[in-house]
Amino acid sequence: MHIGNGAEETTIADLAALVVGVIGSGGAREPRPVPVGSVVRPCPDVQLLEQATGFGPKVDLAEGVRRSGEWYRKA
């Protein structure tokens, strides 16, 4: 199943900025061209996952990245 959140649109650049903000690292980011054949604007749907498992998202992307960063710092 392709899992995502159809309510939010996040670019790779947005995700990179979010992760860098959470971990506090200013790692080098170098924009690259989008690979040929890439989906221009993905809009995943979690409905199939929710129907099959009863599981659905509980937090948004920013909170999930924040929690993951906190877990990695502790581990």
Protein backbone atom coordinates (compact mmCIF):
# COMPACT_ATOMS: atom_id res chain seq x y z
CA MET A 1 0.00 0.00 0.00
CA HIS A 2 1.20 3.50 -0.78
CA ILE A 3 0.89 5.36 2.50
CA GLY A 4 0.80 9.11 2.87
CA ASN A 5 -1.39 11.99 3.86
CA GLY A 6 -3.67 13.38 1.18
CA ALA A 7 -4.32 16.49 3.29
CA GLU A 8 -0.80 17.91 3.10
CA GLU A 9 1.44 18.75 0.19
CA THR A 10 5.12 18.54 1.11
CA THR A 11 8.04 18.94 -1.24
CA ILE A 12 11.38 17.26 -0.66
CA ALA A 13 12.81 20.73 0.04
CA ASP A 14 10.09 21.31 2.68
CA LEU A 15 10.81 17.95 4.28
CA ALA A 16 14.57 18.59 4.28
CA ALA A 17 14.06 21.98 5.93
CA LEU A 18 11.77 20.41 8.54
CA VAL A 19 14.26 17.66 9.38
CA VAL A 20 17.19 20.10 9.53
CA GLY A 21 15.14 22.33 11.83
CA VAL A 22 14.36 19.43 14.15
CA ILE A 23 17.86 17.97 14.34
CA GLY A 24 19.53 21.36 14.45
CA SER A 25 22.00 20.62 11.70
CA GLY A 26 22.66 22.91 8.79
CA GLY A 27 23.76 20.10 6.48
CA ALA A 28 24.44 21.02 2.87
CA ARG A 29 21.42 20.79 0.60
CA GLU A 30 21.88 20.97 -3.11
CA PRO A 31 18.73 21.15 -5.23
CA ARG A 32 18.68 18.66 -8.10
CA PRO A 33 16.39 18.34 -11.09
CA VAL A 34 13.37 16.10 -10.65
CA PRO A 35 14.06 12.65 -12.15
CA VAL A 36 12.27 11.93 -15.41
CA GLY A 37 9.01 10.10 -14.78
CA SER A 38 8.56 11.39 -11.24
CA VAL A 39 5.06 12.21 -10.07
CA VAL A 40 4.65 15.97 -10.26
CA ARG A 41 2.13 16.32 -7.46
CA PRO A 42 1.49 13.14 -5.49
CA CYS A 43 -1.65 12.97 -3.41
CA PRO A 44 -1.59 9.68 -1.48
CA ASP A 45 -4.70 8.37 0.22
CA VAL A 46 -4.67 6.38 3.47
CA GLN A 47 -8.24 5.12 3.12
CA LEU A 48 -7.19 1.60 2.04
CA LEU A 49 -4.78 1.34 4.99
CA GLU A 50 -7.48 2.49 7.40
CA GLN A 51 -10.01 0.00 5.98
CA ALA A 52 -7.55 -2.91 6.07
CA THR A 53 -5.99 -2.27 9.47
CA GLY A 54 -8.05 0.31 11.34
CA PHE A 55 -4.87 2.40 11.55
CA GLY A 56 -4.87 6.06 10.61
CA PRO A 57 -2.54 9.00 11.15
CA LYS A 58 -2.60 10.52 14.63
CA VAL A 59 -0.11 13.37 14.20
CA ASP A 60 0.89 15.64 11.32
CA LEU A 61 4.22 15.43 9.52
CA ALA A 62 5.96 18.12 11.59
CA GLU A 63 5.00 16.45 14.88
CA GLY A 64 6.04 13.04 13.56
CA VAL A 65 9.46 14.35 12.51
CA ARG A 66 9.84 16.10 15.88
CA ARG A 67 9.00 12.89 17.76
CA SER A 68 11.36 10.86 15.57
CA GLY A 69 14.19 13.33 16.18
CA GLU A 70 13.57 13.16 19.91
CA TRP A 71 13.60 9.34 19.83
CA TYR A 72 16.90 9.27 17.90
CA ARG A 73 18.51 11.74 20.32
CA LYS A 74 17.57 9.48 23.24
CA ALA A 75 18.69 6.29 21.46
